[in-house]
């Protein structure tokens, strides 16, 4: 995985918001609305592992899905 580029898509369906954490070399946190619209982001892996974590904000309900694909060169 190290040095490769990936396309990440994360979607939350329900109500409220979640906190999305992406850990490569450093942790990046973003707030994502649970409106079913996917957040798309390109990642370059600088480490051997990519960690993706989500946490519901108070009052949030629903479901989260994510997909990680190799990016075209």
C-alpha atoms as a PDB file:
ATOM      1  CA  UNK A   1       0.000   0.000   0.000  1.00  0.00           C
ATOM      2  CA  UNK A   2       2.864   2.395   0.713  1.00  0.00           C
ATOM      3  CA  UNK A   3       3.197   5.101  -1.945  1.00  0.00           C
ATOM      4  CA  UNK A   4       0.028   4.117  -3.829  1.00  0.00           C
ATOM      5  CA  UNK A   5      -2.940   6.390  -4.492  1.00  0.00           C
ATOM      6  CA  UNK A   6      -6.501   5.452  -3.597  1.00  0.00           C
ATOM      7  CA  UNK A   7      -9.997   6.872  -4.005  1.00  0.00           C
ATOM      8  CA  UNK A   8     -12.078   6.823  -0.826  1.00  0.00           C
ATOM      9  CA  UNK A   9     -15.861   7.236  -0.862  1.00  0.00           C
ATOM     10  CA  UNK A  10     -17.759   7.489   2.452  1.00  0.00           C
ATOM     11  CA  UNK A  11     -21.520   7.899   2.786  1.00  0.00           C
ATOM     12  CA  UNK A  12     -23.762   8.207   5.831  1.00  0.00           C
ATOM     13  CA  UNK A  13     -27.507   7.692   5.423  1.00  0.00           C
ATOM     14  CA  UNK A  14     -29.857   8.708   8.215  1.00  0.00           C
ATOM     15  CA  UNK A  15     -29.927  11.937  10.204  1.00  0.00           C
ATOM     16  CA  UNK A  16     -27.333  14.029  11.955  1.00  0.00           C
ATOM     17  CA  UNK A  17     -23.587  13.972  11.367  1.00  0.00           C
ATOM     18  CA  UNK A  18     -20.588  11.724  11.935  1.00  0.00           C
ATOM     19  CA  UNK A  19     -16.919  12.384  12.512  1.00  0.00           C
ATOM     20  CA  UNK A  20     -14.755  10.606   9.927  1.00  0.00           C
ATOM     21  CA  UNK A  21     -11.137   9.899  10.900  1.00  0.00           C
ATOM     22  CA  UNK A  22      -8.569   8.827   8.320  1.00  0.00           C
ATOM     23  CA  UNK A  23      -5.193   7.761   9.674  1.00  0.00           C
ATOM     24  CA  UNK A  24      -2.301   7.594   7.240  1.00  0.00           C
ATOM     25  CA  UNK A  25       0.875   9.158   8.633  1.00  0.00           C
ATOM     26  CA  UNK A  26      -1.216  11.748  10.484  1.00  0.00           C
ATOM     27  CA  UNK A  27      -4.882  11.721  11.471  1.00  0.00           C
ATOM     28  CA  UNK A  28      -7.340  13.806   9.450  1.00  0.00           C
ATOM     29  CA  UNK A  29     -10.835  14.343  10.869  1.00  0.00           C
ATOM     30  CA  UNK A  30     -13.851  15.615   8.941  1.00  0.00           C
ATOM     31  CA  UNK A  31     -17.522  16.068   9.719  1.00  0.00           C
ATOM     32  CA  UNK A  32     -19.840  14.249   7.307  1.00  0.00           C
ATOM     33  CA  UNK A  33     -23.605  14.867   7.082  1.00  0.00           C
ATOM     34  CA  UNK A  34     -25.855  11.794   7.100  1.00  0.00           C
ATOM     35  CA  UNK A  35     -27.687  12.859   3.960  1.00  0.00           C
ATOM     36  CA  UNK A  36     -26.674   9.918   1.752  1.00  0.00           C
ATOM     37  CA  UNK A  37     -24.337  12.028  -0.401  1.00  0.00           C
ATOM     38  CA  UNK A  38     -20.903  10.383  -0.629  1.00  0.00           C
ATOM     39  CA  UNK A  39     -17.797  12.263   0.397  1.00  0.00           C
ATOM     40  CA  UNK A  40     -15.041  11.499  -2.105  1.00  0.00           C
ATOM     41  CA  UNK A  41     -11.378  11.948  -1.356  1.00  0.00           C
ATOM     42  CA  UNK A  42      -8.092  10.916  -2.962  1.00  0.00           C
ATOM     43  CA  UNK A  43      -5.480   9.457  -0.602  1.00  0.00           C
ATOM     44  CA  UNK A  44      -1.810   8.651  -1.044  1.00  0.00           C
ATOM     45  CA  UNK A  45      -0.666   5.984   1.376  1.00  0.00           C
ATOM     46  CA  UNK A  46       2.565   7.009   3.079  1.00  0.00           C
ATOM     47  CA  UNK A  47       2.317   4.120   5.532  1.00  0.00           C
ATOM     48  CA  UNK A  48       1.708   0.398   5.191  1.00  0.00           C
ATOM     49  CA  UNK A  49      -1.798   0.739   6.670  1.00  0.00           C
ATOM     50  CA  UNK A  50      -4.752   3.081   6.249  1.00  0.00           C
ATOM     51  CA  UNK A  51      -7.160   3.280   9.177  1.00  0.00           C
ATOM     52  CA  UNK A  52     -10.704   4.565   8.626  1.00  0.00           C
ATOM     53  CA  UNK A  53     -12.955   5.184  11.634  1.00  0.00           C
ATOM     54  CA  UNK A  54     -16.304   6.879  12.195  1.00  0.00           C
ATOM     55  CA  UNK A  55     -18.115   8.123  15.266  1.00  0.00           C
ATOM     56  CA  UNK A  56     -21.680   9.365  15.433  1.00  0.00           C
ATOM     57  CA  UNK A  57     -22.214  12.851  16.822  1.00  0.00           C
ATOM     58  CA  UNK A  58     -24.896  13.270  19.510  1.00  0.00           C
ATOM     59  CA  UNK A  59     -28.351  12.512  18.094  1.00  0.00           C
ATOM     60  CA  UNK A  60     -27.063  10.917  14.887  1.00  0.00           C
ATOM     61  CA  UNK A  61     -28.785   7.766  13.639  1.00  0.00           C
ATOM     62  CA  UNK A  62     -28.281   5.740  10.508  1.00  0.00           C
ATOM     63  CA  UNK A  63     -25.702   3.742   8.656  1.00  0.00           C
ATOM     64  CA  UNK A  64     -22.198   4.406   7.275  1.00  0.00           C
ATOM     65  CA  UNK A  65     -20.549   2.736   4.288  1.00  0.00           C
ATOM     66  CA  UNK A  66     -17.150   3.268   2.725  1.00  0.00           C
ATOM     67  CA  UNK A  67     -15.256   2.033  -0.305  1.00  0.00           C
ATOM     68  CA  UNK A  68     -11.539   2.235  -1.052  1.00  0.00           C
ATOM     69  CA  UNK A  69     -10.354   1.734  -4.663  1.00  0.00           C
ATOM     70  CA  UNK A  70      -6.948   1.986  -6.292  1.00  0.00           C
ATOM     71  CA  UNK A  71      -6.720   5.260  -8.171  1.00  0.00           C
ATOM     72  CA  UNK A  72      -5.872   5.276 -11.876  1.00  0.00           C
ATOM     73  CA  UNK A  73      -2.426   6.599 -12.629  1.00  0.00           C
END
